[in-house]
Amino acid sequence: MENRSLQVLWEDGERVVCRGRRRGADGKSQGVLAGCPPPSTRPPQSLIASPQHEYRLKDELDGAWAVPPLEFVREGSRTMLVFEDPGGEPLDHLLAFPLRSDAFFALPSA
């Protein structure tokens, strides 16, 4: 990551997703998203192994519907997946209140 000033987009107890910038292979600054386990003294092994597994799947993901990881970073006991930032905001930032699933997904009646 280019600098340590990351904007936290969301946190769910298992992962923190942040927005930041880094220098790409071409030397230009690019927007990135970083996903990592929440700060703790010792994250569970499952939270360390999950980003490694997700990174190994990067070649299986189609960029038309997924954001494949750019790199897997390990700094001491901390691990982080870095993704290209496609822009946008998390849906929960745009809603004033939660939507019921039946209101969001219009299902035809049988």
Protein backbone atom coordinates (compact mmCIF):
# COMPACT_ATOMS: atom_id res chain seq x y z
CA MET A 1 0.00 0.00 0.00
CA GLU A 2 1.26 3.45 -0.86
CA ASN A 3 0.45 5.02 2.48
CA ARG A 4 -1.10 4.06 5.78
CA SER A 5 -4.14 6.32 5.37
CA LEU A 6 -6.89 3.84 4.63
CA GLN A 7 -10.61 4.58 4.69
CA VAL A 8 -12.54 1.79 6.42
CA LEU A 9 -15.58 0.94 4.27
CA TRP A 10 -17.03 -1.80 6.46
CA GLU A 11 -16.25 -4.25 9.20
CA ASP A 12 -18.13 -7.44 10.01
CA GLY A 13 -16.12 -9.04 12.83
CA GLU A 14 -14.25 -11.38 10.46
CA ARG A 15 -12.96 -8.88 7.94
CA VAL A 16 -12.24 -5.19 7.59
CA VAL A 17 -12.44 -3.73 4.06
CA CYS A 18 -10.54 -0.49 3.42
CA ARG A 19 -10.01 1.84 0.47
CA GLY A 20 -6.58 3.28 -0.24
CA ARG A 21 -3.98 3.90 -2.93
CA ARG A 22 -0.80 2.15 -4.01
CA ARG A 23 1.78 2.46 -6.74
CA GLY A 24 1.13 0.00 -9.57
CA ALA A 25 3.74 -1.88 -11.60
CA ASP A 26 3.74 1.01 -14.08
CA GLY A 27 4.63 3.47 -11.28
CA LYS A 28 1.24 5.19 -11.37
CA SER A 29 -0.96 5.56 -8.31
CA GLN A 30 -4.04 3.34 -8.38
CA GLY A 31 -7.06 2.98 -6.12
CA VAL A 32 -7.23 -0.31 -4.27
CA LEU A 33 -9.38 -2.12 -1.75
CA ALA A 34 -7.76 -4.13 1.01
CA GLY A 35 -9.44 -6.87 2.99
CA CYS A 36 -7.89 -8.13 6.21
CA PRO A 37 -8.87 -9.70 9.52
CA PRO A 38 -9.79 -7.15 12.20
CA PRO A 39 -6.93 -5.95 14.39
CA SER A 40 -6.37 -8.31 17.29
CA THR A 41 -3.46 -9.70 19.19
CA ARG A 42 -3.78 -13.18 17.65
CA PRO A 43 -6.34 -13.76 14.89
CA PRO A 44 -7.66 -17.33 14.62
CA GLN A 45 -5.86 -19.54 12.09
CA SER A 46 -9.06 -19.72 10.00
CA LEU A 47 -8.93 -15.93 9.45
CA ILE A 48 -5.32 -16.20 8.31
CA ALA A 49 -5.91 -19.18 5.99
CA SER A 50 -9.03 -17.74 4.32
CA PRO A 51 -7.28 -14.88 2.42
CA GLN A 52 -4.61 -17.34 1.20
CA HIS A 53 -7.32 -19.62 -0.16
CA GLU A 54 -9.17 -16.69 -1.76
CA TYR A 55 -5.96 -15.50 -3.42
CA ARG A 56 -5.34 -18.96 -4.91
CA LEU A 57 -8.75 -18.72 -6.61
CA LYS A 58 -7.87 -15.47 -8.43
CA ASP A 59 -7.36 -17.14 -11.82
CA GLU A 60 -10.79 -18.79 -11.57
CA LEU A 61 -12.65 -15.48 -11.17
CA ASP A 62 -14.18 -13.72 -14.17
CA GLY A 63 -13.55 -9.97 -14.05
CA ALA A 64 -17.01 -9.38 -15.58
CA TRP A 65 -18.69 -10.36 -12.28
CA ALA A 66 -15.91 -10.46 -9.68
CA VAL A 67 -12.96 -8.37 -8.53
CA PRO A 68 -9.98 -10.77 -8.53
CA PRO A 69 -7.27 -10.06 -5.94
CA LEU A 70 -4.11 -8.30 -7.17
CA GLU A 71 -1.85 -9.57 -4.41
CA PHE A 72 -1.66 -11.32 -1.07
CA VAL A 73 0.37 -9.40 1.51
CA ARG A 74 1.73 -10.76 4.79
CA GLU A 75 3.28 -8.40 7.35
CA GLY A 76 4.22 -10.36 10.45
CA SER A 77 1.05 -12.07 11.66
CA ARG A 78 -1.21 -9.76 9.60
CA THR A 79 -2.47 -10.83 6.19
CA MET A 80 -4.23 -8.73 3.58
CA LEU A 81 -5.78 -9.24 0.16
CA VAL A 82 -5.41 -6.26 -2.19
CA PHE A 83 -7.96 -5.69 -4.98
CA GLU A 84 -8.35 -3.12 -7.73
CA ASP A 85 -10.93 -0.57 -6.56
CA PRO A 86 -13.85 -0.54 -9.01
CA GLY A 87 -15.30 2.48 -7.19
CA GLY A 88 -18.73 2.73 -5.67
CA GLU A 89 -19.95 2.50 -2.11
CA PRO A 90 -21.09 -0.42 0.02
CA LEU A 91 -24.85 -0.83 -0.32
CA ASP A 92 -25.43 -0.39 3.42
CA HIS A 93 -23.94 3.15 3.13
CA LEU A 94 -26.60 4.08 0.58
CA LEU A 95 -29.65 2.80 2.44
CA ALA A 96 -31.35 4.66 5.28
CA PHE A 97 -32.80 1.38 6.59
CA PRO A 98 -32.47 -2.34 5.77
CA LEU A 99 -34.61 -3.67 2.92
CA ARG A 100 -36.72 -6.77 3.37
CA SER A 101 -35.51 -9.47 0.97
CA ASP A 102 -38.98 -9.84 -0.57
CA ALA A 103 -38.96 -6.12 -1.40
CA PHE A 104 -35.48 -6.30 -2.90
CA PHE A 105 -35.89 -9.53 -4.90
CA ALA A 106 -39.19 -9.45 -6.75
CA LEU A 107 -40.10 -13.12 -7.13
CA PRO A 108 -42.89 -14.12 -9.52
CA SER A 109 -45.76 -15.91 -7.81
CA ALA A 110 -46.39 -19.51 -8.82
